[in-house]
Amino acid sequence: YTELDRSELPQGRRLVNMTWAYKRKRSGKLKARLCVQGCAQTAGVDFDQTHSATMRSTTLRLLASQASRYGMSMRRWDFVAAYLQGELLEGEVVYCTPPTGYRFDSEGKLVEGKDDGRFICIVQKPIYGMAQAGRRWQRTLFPWLASFGFKQTHSDQSVFTLERTMRTPSGDRRERIHVGVYVDDLCLVYEHDDDSSLSVSYTHLRA
């Protein structure tokens, strides 16, 4: 986000609070995540659409059935900080108060302390809690998968398939890989995992 003098807040726009979400993980590690209180956003002003498609449970069962029938392998991959990798649309602006426990100094930099109310934040990228964050993430992920040659299936728009001929020491072989998307979790179904396989060629998907 970037700072903005409070006097420059457009008339009729509402400030949304930033808040911290705290969690103690099973390992005992403490985690803090900065979030936007999306429940205070105004529909049609702070955001337009919020729908984000997810793979159906019946589709997951079908993928598991296919893997079992044809001897394919299944893996689950998770994107780290997925929502932060989305992009807001042009003209999509959300105005927020500074994070709790911080304020802007005279140079416009965030420092620890109580907010004096002089500056506000303009969010530059989707943040957890924003009403449109899930949709913005999906609108980034789907084209990214398509750029690698994955084709979206007609039966479930959250499932992508890639089929390609791979060169191996024993000759060419036809391979396929299926990717089911559930928000930031990927379910992968693939046929081979040797050095010449299609799945190994796309291991950078785990990044």
N, C-alpha and C. Protein backbone atom coordinates (compact mmCIF):
# COMPACT_ATOMS: atom_id res chain seq x y z
N TYR A 1 0.84 -1.18 0.00
CA TYR A 1 0.00 0.00 0.00
C TYR A 1 0.88 1.24 0.00
N THR A 2 0.29 2.35 -0.37
CA THR A 2 0.98 3.63 -0.31
C THR A 2 0.17 4.57 0.58
N GLU A 3 0.84 5.61 1.08
CA GLU A 3 0.17 6.52 1.99
C GLU A 3 -0.51 7.65 1.23
N LEU A 4 -1.52 8.22 1.84
CA LEU A 4 -2.28 9.33 1.26
C LEU A 4 -2.76 10.21 2.41
N ASP A 5 -2.68 11.52 2.21
CA ASP A 5 -3.18 12.43 3.23
C ASP A 5 -4.68 12.23 3.37
N ARG A 6 -5.17 12.18 4.61
CA ARG A 6 -6.59 11.91 4.85
C ARG A 6 -7.50 12.93 4.16
N SER A 7 -7.01 14.15 3.99
CA SER A 7 -7.82 15.19 3.34
C SER A 7 -8.09 14.88 1.88
N GLU A 8 -7.31 13.97 1.29
CA GLU A 8 -7.46 13.63 -0.12
C GLU A 8 -8.39 12.45 -0.35
N LEU A 9 -8.98 11.92 0.72
CA LEU A 9 -9.94 10.83 0.58
C LEU A 9 -11.14 11.31 -0.21
N PRO A 10 -11.46 10.65 -1.34
CA PRO A 10 -12.59 11.09 -2.17
C PRO A 10 -13.89 11.15 -1.37
N GLN A 11 -14.70 12.09 -1.68
CA GLN A 11 -15.98 12.25 -0.98
C GLN A 11 -16.86 11.02 -1.21
N GLY A 12 -17.45 10.53 -0.15
CA GLY A 12 -18.32 9.38 -0.25
C GLY A 12 -17.62 8.05 -0.09
N ARG A 13 -16.28 8.06 -0.07
CA ARG A 13 -15.55 6.80 0.11
C ARG A 13 -15.40 6.49 1.59
N ARG A 14 -15.46 5.21 1.89
CA ARG A 14 -15.41 4.74 3.29
C ARG A 14 -14.05 4.12 3.59
N LEU A 15 -13.51 4.45 4.75
CA LEU A 15 -12.25 3.84 5.17
C LEU A 15 -12.51 2.44 5.74
N VAL A 16 -11.68 1.50 5.33
CA VAL A 16 -11.77 0.13 5.82
C VAL A 16 -10.59 -0.13 6.76
N ASN A 17 -10.84 -0.77 7.85
CA ASN A 17 -9.78 -1.01 8.83
C ASN A 17 -8.85 -2.14 8.40
N MET A 18 -7.58 -1.97 8.72
CA MET A 18 -6.62 -3.07 8.63
C MET A 18 -6.51 -3.68 10.01
N THR A 19 -6.38 -4.98 10.08
CA THR A 19 -6.32 -5.65 11.37
C THR A 19 -5.33 -6.80 11.30
N TRP A 20 -4.87 -7.23 12.45
CA TRP A 20 -3.94 -8.35 12.54
C TRP A 20 -4.70 -9.62 12.91
N ALA A 21 -4.37 -10.71 12.25
CA ALA A 21 -4.93 -12.02 12.59
C ALA A 21 -3.79 -12.85 13.17
N TYR A 22 -3.96 -13.29 14.41
CA TYR A 22 -2.91 -14.02 15.11
C TYR A 22 -3.26 -15.51 15.19
N LYS A 23 -2.22 -16.34 15.12
CA LYS A 23 -2.44 -17.78 15.15
C LYS A 23 -1.23 -18.48 15.78
N ARG A 24 -1.51 -19.46 16.59
CA ARG A 24 -0.45 -20.32 17.12
C ARG A 24 -0.51 -21.64 16.35
N LYS A 25 0.52 -21.96 15.61
CA LYS A 25 0.53 -23.17 14.79
C LYS A 25 0.76 -24.40 15.67
N ARG A 26 0.53 -25.58 15.10
CA ARG A 26 0.68 -26.82 15.86
C ARG A 26 2.10 -26.99 16.38
N SER A 27 3.06 -26.46 15.64
CA SER A 27 4.46 -26.57 16.06
C SER A 27 4.79 -25.63 17.21
N GLY A 28 3.85 -24.74 17.56
CA GLY A 28 4.09 -23.76 18.60
C GLY A 28 4.55 -22.42 18.06
N LYS A 29 4.81 -22.37 16.77
CA LYS A 29 5.27 -21.14 16.14
C LYS A 29 4.12 -20.12 16.08
N LEU A 30 4.43 -18.87 16.37
CA LEU A 30 3.43 -17.81 16.34
C LEU A 30 3.41 -17.14 14.98
N LYS A 31 2.22 -16.83 14.49
CA LYS A 31 2.06 -16.25 13.16
C LYS A 31 1.12 -15.06 13.22
N ALA A 32 1.49 -14.00 12.53
CA ALA A 32 0.65 -12.81 12.43
C ALA A 32 0.45 -12.46 10.96
N ARG A 33 -0.78 -12.20 10.58
CA ARG A 33 -1.08 -11.87 9.18
C ARG A 33 -1.90 -10.58 9.15
N LEU A 34 -1.46 -9.66 8.30
CA LEU A 34 -2.16 -8.40 8.14
C LEU A 34 -3.34 -8.59 7.20
N CYS A 35 -4.52 -8.22 7.64
CA CYS A 35 -5.74 -8.43 6.87
C CYS A 35 -6.54 -7.13 6.74
N VAL A 36 -7.43 -7.13 5.77
CA VAL A 36 -8.38 -6.05 5.59
C VAL A 36 -9.75 -6.55 6.04
N GLN A 37 -10.48 -5.74 6.78
CA GLN A 37 -11.81 -6.14 7.23
C GLN A 37 -12.79 -6.02 6.07
N GLY A 38 -12.85 -7.09 5.28
CA GLY A 38 -13.68 -7.08 4.09
C GLY A 38 -15.15 -6.88 4.37
N CYS A 39 -15.60 -7.23 5.58
CA CYS A 39 -17.01 -7.05 5.91
C CYS A 39 -17.42 -5.58 5.92
N ALA A 40 -16.44 -4.68 5.99
CA ALA A 40 -16.74 -3.24 6.00
C ALA A 40 -16.63 -2.62 4.61
N GLN A 41 -16.24 -3.42 3.61
CA GLN A 41 -16.16 -2.91 2.24
C GLN A 41 -17.56 -2.68 1.68
N THR A 42 -17.65 -1.75 0.75
CA THR A 42 -18.93 -1.41 0.13
C THR A 42 -19.01 -2.02 -1.26
N ALA A 43 -20.01 -2.87 -1.49
CA ALA A 43 -20.18 -3.50 -2.80
C ALA A 43 -20.45 -2.45 -3.86
N GLY A 44 -19.83 -2.61 -5.01
CA GLY A 44 -20.01 -1.66 -6.10
C GLY A 44 -19.11 -0.44 -6.00
N VAL A 45 -18.42 -0.30 -4.87
CA VAL A 45 -17.50 0.82 -4.66
C VAL A 45 -16.09 0.30 -4.42
N ASP A 46 -15.93 -0.51 -3.37
CA ASP A 46 -14.62 -1.09 -3.06
C ASP A 46 -14.35 -2.35 -3.88
N PHE A 47 -15.39 -2.97 -4.37
CA PHE A 47 -15.23 -4.18 -5.18
C PHE A 47 -16.46 -4.37 -6.05
N ASP A 48 -16.30 -5.19 -7.07
CA ASP A 48 -17.41 -5.48 -7.98
C ASP A 48 -17.86 -6.92 -7.80
N GLN A 49 -17.07 -7.86 -8.33
CA GLN A 49 -17.42 -9.28 -8.24
C GLN A 49 -16.50 -9.99 -7.25
N THR A 50 -17.04 -11.02 -6.62
CA THR A 50 -16.27 -11.77 -5.62
C THR A 50 -16.22 -13.27 -5.90
N HIS A 51 -16.96 -13.75 -6.90
CA HIS A 51 -17.04 -15.20 -7.12
C HIS A 51 -15.68 -15.77 -7.52
N SER A 52 -15.31 -16.87 -6.89
CA SER A 52 -14.09 -17.59 -7.21
C SER A 52 -14.43 -19.07 -7.28
N ALA A 53 -14.36 -19.65 -8.47
CA ALA A 53 -14.75 -21.05 -8.66
C ALA A 53 -13.77 -21.99 -7.95
N THR A 54 -14.27 -23.09 -7.44
CA THR A 54 -13.44 -24.11 -6.82
C THR A 54 -13.84 -25.48 -7.35
N MET A 55 -12.90 -26.39 -7.32
CA MET A 55 -13.16 -27.74 -7.79
C MET A 55 -14.24 -28.40 -6.94
N ARG A 56 -15.19 -29.05 -7.58
CA ARG A 56 -16.27 -29.71 -6.86
C ARG A 56 -15.77 -30.98 -6.17
N SER A 57 -16.42 -31.36 -5.09
CA SER A 57 -16.03 -32.58 -4.37
C SER A 57 -16.20 -33.82 -5.24
N THR A 58 -17.23 -33.81 -6.10
CA THR A 58 -17.43 -34.95 -7.00
C THR A 58 -16.28 -35.05 -8.01
N THR A 59 -15.73 -33.91 -8.40
CA THR A 59 -14.60 -33.92 -9.33
C THR A 59 -13.37 -34.52 -8.67
N LEU A 60 -13.15 -34.18 -7.40
CA LEU A 60 -12.01 -34.75 -6.68
C LEU A 60 -12.13 -36.26 -6.58
N ARG A 61 -13.35 -36.75 -6.32
CA ARG A 61 -13.55 -38.20 -6.25
C ARG A 61 -13.30 -38.84 -7.61
N LEU A 62 -13.69 -38.14 -8.68
CA LEU A 62 -13.47 -38.66 -10.03
C LEU A 62 -11.98 -38.74 -10.34
N LEU A 63 -11.23 -37.70 -9.96
CA LEU A 63 -9.79 -37.72 -10.20
C LEU A 63 -9.12 -38.86 -9.43
N ALA A 64 -9.57 -39.08 -8.19
CA ALA A 64 -9.02 -40.17 -7.40
C ALA A 64 -9.35 -41.52 -8.03
N SER A 65 -10.56 -41.63 -8.57
CA SER A 65 -10.97 -42.86 -9.24
C SER A 65 -10.13 -43.11 -10.49
N GLN A 66 -9.87 -42.06 -11.26
CA GLN A 66 -9.04 -42.19 -12.46
C GLN A 66 -7.62 -42.59 -12.09
N ALA A 67 -7.09 -41.99 -11.03
CA ALA A 67 -5.74 -42.32 -10.60
C ALA A 67 -5.65 -43.79 -10.18
N SER A 68 -6.67 -44.27 -9.48
CA SER A 68 -6.68 -45.67 -9.04
C SER A 68 -6.82 -46.62 -10.22
N ARG A 69 -7.69 -46.28 -11.14
CA ARG A 69 -7.96 -47.18 -12.28
C ARG A 69 -6.77 -47.31 -13.21
N TYR A 70 -6.09 -46.19 -13.46
CA TYR A 70 -5.00 -46.20 -14.45
C TYR A 70 -3.61 -46.19 -13.80
N GLY A 71 -3.54 -46.40 -12.50
CA GLY A 71 -2.25 -46.48 -11.83
C GLY A 71 -1.49 -45.16 -11.82
N MET A 72 -2.21 -44.05 -11.74
CA MET A 72 -1.58 -42.74 -11.73
C MET A 72 -1.31 -42.30 -10.29
N SER A 73 -0.44 -41.33 -10.13
CA SER A 73 -0.10 -40.82 -8.80
C SER A 73 -0.86 -39.54 -8.52
N MET A 74 -1.06 -39.23 -7.23
CA MET A 74 -1.73 -38.00 -6.83
C MET A 74 -0.87 -37.26 -5.82
N ARG A 75 -0.85 -35.94 -5.96
CA ARG A 75 -0.14 -35.10 -5.00
C ARG A 75 -0.97 -33.85 -4.72
N ARG A 76 -0.74 -33.28 -3.55
CA ARG A 76 -1.39 -32.03 -3.18
C ARG A 76 -0.32 -30.97 -2.99
N TRP A 77 -0.42 -29.88 -3.72
CA TRP A 77 0.52 -28.77 -3.60
C TRP A 77 -0.22 -27.53 -3.12
N ASP A 78 0.48 -26.73 -2.35
CA ASP A 78 -0.12 -25.55 -1.77
C ASP A 78 0.70 -24.31 -2.13
N PHE A 79 0.03 -23.25 -2.57
CA PHE A 79 0.71 -21.99 -2.85
C PHE A 79 0.90 -21.21 -1.56
N VAL A 80 2.07 -20.63 -1.40
CA VAL A 80 2.36 -19.82 -0.21
C VAL A 80 1.88 -18.38 -0.45
N ALA A 81 1.14 -17.84 0.51
CA ALA A 81 0.64 -16.46 0.41
C ALA A 81 -0.05 -16.22 -0.94
N ALA A 82 -0.96 -17.12 -1.28
CA ALA A 82 -1.59 -17.09 -2.60
C ALA A 82 -2.29 -15.77 -2.92
N TYR A 83 -3.10 -15.28 -1.98
CA TYR A 83 -3.89 -14.08 -2.26
C TYR A 83 -3.01 -12.86 -2.54
N LEU A 84 -1.80 -12.85 -1.99
CA LEU A 84 -0.91 -11.72 -2.20
C LEU A 84 -0.32 -11.71 -3.60
N GLN A 85 -0.51 -12.78 -4.35
CA GLN A 85 0.04 -12.88 -5.70
C GLN A 85 -0.96 -12.44 -6.77
N GLY A 86 -2.15 -12.04 -6.36
CA GLY A 86 -3.14 -11.53 -7.30
C GLY A 86 -2.86 -10.09 -7.68
N GLU A 87 -3.65 -9.56 -8.58
CA GLU A 87 -3.51 -8.17 -9.02
C GLU A 87 -4.88 -7.51 -9.04
N LEU A 88 -4.96 -6.31 -8.49
CA LEU A 88 -6.20 -5.55 -8.54
C LEU A 88 -6.44 -5.02 -9.95
N LEU A 89 -7.70 -4.85 -10.31
CA LEU A 89 -8.02 -4.30 -11.62
C LEU A 89 -7.71 -2.81 -11.67
N GLU A 90 -7.53 -2.30 -12.86
CA GLU A 90 -7.27 -0.88 -13.02
C GLU A 90 -8.48 -0.08 -12.51
N GLY A 91 -8.22 0.88 -11.65
CA GLY A 91 -9.29 1.68 -11.08
C GLY A 91 -9.92 1.08 -9.84
N GLU A 92 -9.49 -0.12 -9.47
CA GLU A 92 -10.02 -0.77 -8.27
C GLU A 92 -9.20 -0.29 -7.07
N VAL A 93 -9.77 0.57 -6.25
CA VAL A 93 -9.04 1.20 -5.16
C VAL A 93 -9.76 0.95 -3.84
N VAL A 94 -9.00 0.59 -2.83
CA VAL A 94 -9.53 0.39 -1.48
C VAL A 94 -8.72 1.27 -0.54
N TYR A 95 -9.42 2.10 0.24
CA TYR A 95 -8.76 3.00 1.19
C TYR A 95 -8.86 2.40 2.59
N CYS A 96 -7.74 2.37 3.30
CA CYS A 96 -7.71 1.74 4.63
C CYS A 96 -7.01 2.63 5.65
N THR A 97 -7.30 2.35 6.91
CA THR A 97 -6.55 2.96 8.00
C THR A 97 -5.20 2.25 8.11
N PRO A 98 -4.19 2.86 8.70
CA PRO A 98 -2.90 2.18 8.89
C PRO A 98 -3.07 0.95 9.77
N PRO A 99 -2.15 -0.01 9.69
CA PRO A 99 -2.24 -1.20 10.54
C PRO A 99 -2.22 -0.83 12.03
N THR A 100 -2.93 -1.59 12.82
CA THR A 100 -2.96 -1.34 14.26
C THR A 100 -1.55 -1.39 14.84
N GLY A 101 -1.20 -0.37 15.63
CA GLY A 101 0.12 -0.32 16.24
C GLY A 101 1.16 0.42 15.44
N TYR A 102 0.73 0.99 14.29
CA TYR A 102 1.67 1.73 13.44
C TYR A 102 1.07 3.07 13.04
N ARG A 103 1.93 3.98 12.66
CA ARG A 103 1.51 5.29 12.18
C ARG A 103 2.49 5.75 11.11
N PHE A 104 2.12 6.76 10.35
CA PHE A 104 3.01 7.34 9.36
C PHE A 104 3.76 8.51 9.99
N ASP A 105 5.08 8.56 9.75
CA ASP A 105 5.85 9.69 10.25
C ASP A 105 5.78 10.86 9.27
N SER A 106 6.55 11.91 9.52
CA SER A 106 6.49 13.11 8.68
C SER A 106 6.95 12.86 7.25
N GLU A 107 7.70 11.74 7.04
CA GLU A 107 8.18 11.41 5.69
C GLU A 107 7.28 10.40 5.00
N GLY A 108 6.19 10.05 5.66
CA GLY A 108 5.25 9.11 5.05
C GLY A 108 5.64 7.65 5.19
N LYS A 109 6.52 7.34 6.15
CA LYS A 109 6.95 5.96 6.38
C LYS A 109 6.25 5.40 7.61
N LEU A 110 5.95 4.13 7.55
CA LEU A 110 5.30 3.48 8.68
C LEU A 110 6.30 3.25 9.82
N VAL A 111 5.93 3.66 11.00
CA VAL A 111 6.75 3.42 12.18
C VAL A 111 5.83 2.96 13.31
N GLU A 112 6.40 2.33 14.31
CA GLU A 112 5.60 1.87 15.44
C GLU A 112 5.04 3.06 16.22
N GLY A 113 3.84 2.90 16.70
CA GLY A 113 3.21 3.97 17.47
C GLY A 113 1.73 4.05 17.19
N LYS A 114 1.06 4.93 17.89
CA LYS A 114 -0.38 5.11 17.75
C LYS A 114 -0.68 6.00 16.55
N ASP A 115 -1.65 5.60 15.75
CA ASP A 115 -2.02 6.37 14.56
C ASP A 115 -2.58 7.74 14.95
N ASP A 116 -2.04 8.77 14.33
CA ASP A 116 -2.52 10.13 14.64
C ASP A 116 -3.63 10.57 13.69
N GLY A 117 -4.02 9.69 12.74
CA GLY A 117 -5.13 9.99 11.86
C GLY A 117 -4.81 10.90 10.69
N ARG A 118 -3.54 11.24 10.50
CA ARG A 118 -3.19 12.16 9.43
C ARG A 118 -3.16 11.48 8.06
N PHE A 119 -2.62 10.27 8.02
CA PHE A 119 -2.48 9.57 6.75
C PHE A 119 -3.36 8.32 6.71
N ILE A 120 -3.71 7.92 5.50
CA ILE A 120 -4.44 6.67 5.27
C ILE A 120 -3.69 5.87 4.22
N CYS A 121 -4.12 4.64 3.98
CA CYS A 121 -3.44 3.75 3.05
C CYS A 121 -4.29 3.50 1.80
N ILE A 122 -3.61 3.41 0.66
CA ILE A 122 -4.25 2.95 -0.57
C ILE A 122 -3.66 1.57 -0.86
N VAL A 123 -4.49 0.55 -0.84
CA VAL A 123 -4.03 -0.81 -1.06
C VAL A 123 -3.65 -1.00 -2.52
N GLN A 124 -2.46 -1.53 -2.75
CA GLN A 124 -1.95 -1.71 -4.11
C GLN A 124 -2.17 -3.13 -4.64
N LYS A 125 -2.26 -4.11 -3.75
CA LYS A 125 -2.44 -5.51 -4.14
C LYS A 125 -3.47 -6.15 -3.23
N PRO A 126 -4.10 -7.22 -3.68
CA PRO A 126 -5.08 -7.91 -2.82
C PRO A 126 -4.43 -8.37 -1.52
N ILE A 127 -5.17 -8.26 -0.42
CA ILE A 127 -4.73 -8.69 0.90
C ILE A 127 -5.78 -9.63 1.46
N TYR A 128 -5.35 -10.54 2.30
CA TYR A 128 -6.29 -11.45 2.95
C TYR A 128 -7.38 -10.66 3.66
N GLY A 129 -8.60 -11.10 3.49
CA GLY A 129 -9.75 -10.44 4.09
C GLY A 129 -10.53 -9.59 3.11
N MET A 130 -9.88 -9.15 2.03
CA MET A 130 -10.58 -8.33 1.04
C MET A 130 -11.63 -9.18 0.33
N ALA A 131 -12.78 -8.62 0.08
CA ALA A 131 -13.88 -9.36 -0.52
C ALA A 131 -13.51 -9.94 -1.88
N GLN A 132 -12.71 -9.22 -2.65
CA GLN A 132 -12.37 -9.65 -4.00
C GLN A 132 -11.04 -10.38 -4.09
N ALA A 133 -10.37 -10.64 -2.95
CA ALA A 133 -9.03 -11.23 -2.98
C ALA A 133 -9.02 -12.60 -3.65
N GLY A 134 -10.01 -13.45 -3.32
CA GLY A 134 -10.06 -14.78 -3.92
C GLY A 134 -10.24 -14.74 -5.42
N ARG A 135 -11.09 -13.86 -5.89
CA ARG A 135 -11.32 -13.74 -7.33
C ARG A 135 -10.09 -13.20 -8.05
N ARG A 136 -9.43 -12.22 -7.44
CA ARG A 136 -8.23 -11.65 -8.05
C ARG A 136 -7.12 -12.69 -8.14
N TRP A 137 -7.02 -13.57 -7.13
CA TRP A 137 -6.03 -14.64 -7.16
C TRP A 137 -6.35 -15.63 -8.27
N GLN A 138 -7.62 -16.00 -8.39
CA GLN A 138 -8.01 -16.95 -9.43
C GLN A 138 -7.78 -16.38 -10.82
N ARG A 139 -8.06 -15.08 -10.99
CA ARG A 139 -7.87 -14.45 -12.29
C ARG A 139 -6.39 -14.28 -12.63
N THR A 140 -5.53 -14.54 -11.68
CA THR A 140 -4.08 -14.57 -11.93
C THR A 140 -3.61 -15.99 -12.19
N LEU A 141 -4.13 -16.95 -11.42
CA LEU A 141 -3.70 -18.34 -11.52
C LEU A 141 -4.14 -19.00 -12.82
N PHE A 142 -5.41 -18.84 -13.20
CA PHE A 142 -5.92 -19.54 -14.38
C PHE A 142 -5.17 -19.17 -15.66
N PRO A 143 -4.94 -17.89 -15.96
CA PRO A 143 -4.15 -17.55 -17.15
C PRO A 143 -2.72 -18.05 -17.06
N TRP A 144 -2.18 -18.10 -15.83
CA TRP A 144 -0.82 -18.60 -15.64
C TRP A 144 -0.73 -20.08 -16.02
N LEU A 145 -1.71 -20.88 -15.61
CA LEU A 145 -1.74 -22.29 -16.01
C LEU A 145 -1.90 -22.42 -17.52
N ALA A 146 -2.77 -21.60 -18.10
CA ALA A 146 -2.99 -21.65 -19.54
C ALA A 146 -1.72 -21.31 -20.32
N SER A 147 -0.87 -20.45 -19.75
CA SER A 147 0.37 -20.07 -20.44
C SER A 147 1.33 -21.24 -20.60
N PHE A 148 1.17 -22.28 -19.77
CA PHE A 148 2.01 -23.46 -19.88
C PHE A 148 1.40 -24.52 -20.80
N GLY A 149 0.22 -24.25 -21.33
CA GLY A 149 -0.43 -25.18 -22.24
C GLY A 149 -1.55 -25.99 -21.62
N PHE A 150 -1.89 -25.74 -20.35
CA PHE A 150 -2.99 -26.46 -19.72
C PHE A 150 -4.33 -26.00 -20.30
N LYS A 151 -5.21 -26.96 -20.54
CA LYS A 151 -6.54 -26.68 -21.10
C LYS A 151 -7.60 -26.85 -20.01
N GLN A 152 -8.49 -25.87 -19.92
CA GLN A 152 -9.56 -25.91 -18.94
C GLN A 152 -10.62 -26.90 -19.39
N THR A 153 -11.06 -27.79 -18.49
CA THR A 153 -12.06 -28.78 -18.86
C THR A 153 -13.45 -28.14 -18.88
N HIS A 154 -14.36 -28.74 -19.65
CA HIS A 154 -15.71 -28.20 -19.77
C HIS A 154 -16.60 -28.63 -18.59
N SER A 155 -16.34 -29.81 -18.04
CA SER A 155 -17.19 -30.33 -16.97
C SER A 155 -16.95 -29.61 -15.64
N ASP A 156 -15.73 -29.13 -15.41
CA ASP A 156 -15.40 -28.41 -14.18
C ASP A 156 -14.34 -27.38 -14.53
N GLN A 157 -14.69 -26.10 -14.47
CA GLN A 157 -13.77 -25.05 -14.90
C GLN A 157 -12.57 -24.88 -13.98
N SER A 158 -12.53 -25.58 -12.85
CA SER A 158 -11.40 -25.52 -11.94
C SER A 158 -10.43 -26.68 -12.14
N VAL A 159 -10.60 -27.43 -13.22
CA VAL A 159 -9.71 -28.54 -13.53
C VAL A 159 -9.04 -28.28 -14.88
N PHE A 160 -7.72 -28.46 -14.92
CA PHE A 160 -6.94 -28.22 -16.13
C PHE A 160 -6.20 -29.50 -16.50
N THR A 161 -6.05 -29.73 -17.80
CA THR A 161 -5.39 -30.93 -18.29
C THR A 161 -4.32 -30.56 -19.31
N LEU A 162 -3.20 -31.26 -19.23
CA LEU A 162 -2.11 -31.07 -20.19
C LEU A 162 -1.70 -32.43 -20.71
N GLU A 163 -1.65 -32.57 -22.01
CA GLU A 163 -1.24 -33.83 -22.64
C GLU A 163 -0.13 -33.53 -23.63
N ARG A 164 0.95 -34.30 -23.54
CA ARG A 164 2.12 -34.00 -24.35
C ARG A 164 2.94 -35.26 -24.58
N THR A 165 3.65 -35.31 -25.71
CA THR A 165 4.57 -36.40 -26.01
C THR A 165 5.94 -36.07 -25.43
N MET A 166 6.45 -36.95 -24.58
CA MET A 166 7.73 -36.73 -23.93
C MET A 166 8.79 -37.68 -24.49
N ARG A 167 9.98 -37.16 -24.68
CA ARG A 167 11.10 -37.97 -25.17
C ARG A 167 11.78 -38.64 -23.97
N THR A 168 11.94 -39.95 -24.04
CA THR A 168 12.58 -40.71 -22.97
C THR A 168 13.69 -41.58 -23.57
N PRO A 169 14.61 -42.08 -22.75
CA PRO A 169 15.68 -42.95 -23.28
C PRO A 169 15.15 -44.18 -24.00
N SER A 170 13.96 -44.62 -23.63
CA SER A 170 13.38 -45.81 -24.27
C SER A 170 12.44 -45.46 -25.41
N GLY A 171 12.36 -44.18 -25.78
CA GLY A 171 11.49 -43.75 -26.87
C GLY A 171 10.45 -42.74 -26.42
N ASP A 172 9.69 -42.23 -27.38
CA ASP A 172 8.66 -41.24 -27.07
C ASP A 172 7.46 -41.91 -26.39
N ARG A 173 6.82 -41.17 -25.49
CA ARG A 173 5.61 -41.67 -24.84
C ARG A 173 4.66 -40.50 -24.61
N ARG A 174 3.38 -40.80 -24.71
CA ARG A 174 2.35 -39.80 -24.52
C ARG A 174 1.97 -39.75 -23.04
N GLU A 175 1.99 -38.56 -22.46
CA GLU A 175 1.68 -38.40 -21.05
C GLU A 175 0.61 -37.35 -20.87
N ARG A 176 -0.05 -37.42 -19.73
CA ARG A 176 -1.06 -36.42 -19.38
C ARG A 176 -0.96 -36.11 -17.88
N ILE A 177 -1.38 -34.91 -17.55
CA ILE A 177 -1.39 -34.48 -16.16
C ILE A 177 -2.64 -33.64 -15.93
N HIS A 178 -3.33 -33.89 -14.82
CA HIS A 178 -4.54 -33.16 -14.48
C HIS A 178 -4.27 -32.32 -13.23
N VAL A 179 -4.77 -31.09 -13.22
CA VAL A 179 -4.61 -30.19 -12.09
C VAL A 179 -5.98 -29.70 -11.64
N GLY A 180 -6.38 -30.04 -10.42
CA GLY A 180 -7.61 -29.54 -9.85
C GLY A 180 -7.30 -28.41 -8.89
N VAL A 181 -8.02 -27.30 -9.00
CA VAL A 181 -7.74 -26.12 -8.19
C VAL A 181 -8.84 -25.90 -7.17
N TYR A 182 -8.43 -25.79 -5.90
CA TYR A 182 -9.37 -25.44 -4.83
C TYR A 182 -8.73 -24.27 -4.06
N VAL A 183 -9.04 -23.07 -4.48
CA VAL A 183 -8.47 -21.83 -3.94
C VAL A 183 -6.95 -21.85 -4.14
N ASP A 184 -6.17 -22.10 -3.08
CA ASP A 184 -4.71 -22.11 -3.23
C ASP A 184 -4.13 -23.51 -3.11
N ASP A 185 -4.99 -24.53 -3.15
CA ASP A 185 -4.54 -25.92 -3.12
C ASP A 185 -4.69 -26.54 -4.50
N LEU A 186 -3.65 -27.25 -4.92
CA LEU A 186 -3.69 -27.94 -6.21
C LEU A 186 -3.67 -29.44 -5.97
N CYS A 187 -4.54 -30.14 -6.66
CA CYS A 187 -4.54 -31.60 -6.66
C CYS A 187 -4.01 -32.05 -8.01
N LEU A 188 -2.85 -32.70 -8.03
CA LEU A 188 -2.24 -33.13 -9.28
C LEU A 188 -2.37 -34.63 -9.45
N VAL A 189 -2.75 -35.04 -10.64
CA VAL A 189 -2.83 -36.45 -11.01
C VAL A 189 -1.95 -36.64 -12.24
N TYR A 190 -0.95 -37.52 -12.14
CA TYR A 190 0.02 -37.67 -13.23
C TYR A 190 0.42 -39.14 -13.37
N GLU A 191 1.06 -39.46 -14.50
CA GLU A 191 1.35 -40.85 -14.82
C GLU A 191 2.76 -41.30 -14.45
N HIS A 192 3.75 -40.44 -14.65
CA HIS A 192 5.14 -40.81 -14.41
C HIS A 192 5.85 -39.72 -13.62
N ASP A 193 6.90 -40.10 -12.88
CA ASP A 193 7.67 -39.10 -12.16
C ASP A 193 9.18 -39.33 -12.29
N ASP A 194 9.59 -39.96 -13.39
CA ASP A 194 11.03 -40.11 -13.64
C ASP A 194 11.57 -38.82 -14.23
N ASP A 195 12.87 -38.79 -14.50
CA ASP A 195 13.52 -37.55 -14.96
C ASP A 195 13.01 -37.05 -16.30
N SER A 196 12.41 -37.94 -17.10
CA SER A 196 11.93 -37.55 -18.42
C SER A 196 10.43 -37.29 -18.44
N SER A 197 9.80 -37.33 -17.29
CA SER A 197 8.34 -37.26 -17.24
C SER A 197 7.83 -35.84 -17.36
N LEU A 198 6.56 -35.75 -17.69
CA LEU A 198 5.88 -34.47 -17.82
C LEU A 198 5.75 -33.79 -16.46
N SER A 199 5.53 -34.59 -15.40
CA SER A 199 5.36 -34.01 -14.07
C SER A 199 6.65 -33.37 -13.58
N VAL A 200 7.80 -33.98 -13.85
CA VAL A 200 9.07 -33.40 -13.43
C VAL A 200 9.36 -32.11 -14.22
N SER A 201 8.93 -32.07 -15.48
CA SER A 201 9.13 -30.88 -16.30
C SER A 201 8.38 -29.67 -15.75
N TYR A 202 7.33 -29.95 -14.95
CA TYR A 202 6.52 -28.87 -14.41
C TYR A 202 6.59 -28.77 -12.89
N THR A 203 7.71 -29.23 -12.31
CA THR A 203 7.86 -29.16 -10.86
C THR A 203 7.94 -27.73 -10.38
N HIS A 204 8.24 -26.77 -11.27
CA HIS A 204 8.27 -25.37 -10.85
C HIS A 204 6.87 -24.86 -10.51
N LEU A 205 5.84 -25.66 -10.75
CA LEU A 205 4.50 -25.28 -10.33
C LEU A 205 4.42 -25.17 -8.81
N ARG A 206 5.36 -25.83 -8.11
CA ARG A 206 5.33 -25.82 -6.65
C ARG A 206 5.84 -24.50 -6.09
N ALA A 207 6.43 -23.66 -6.93
CA ALA A 207 7.01 -22.40 -6.44
C ALA A 207 5.93 -21.49 -5.89
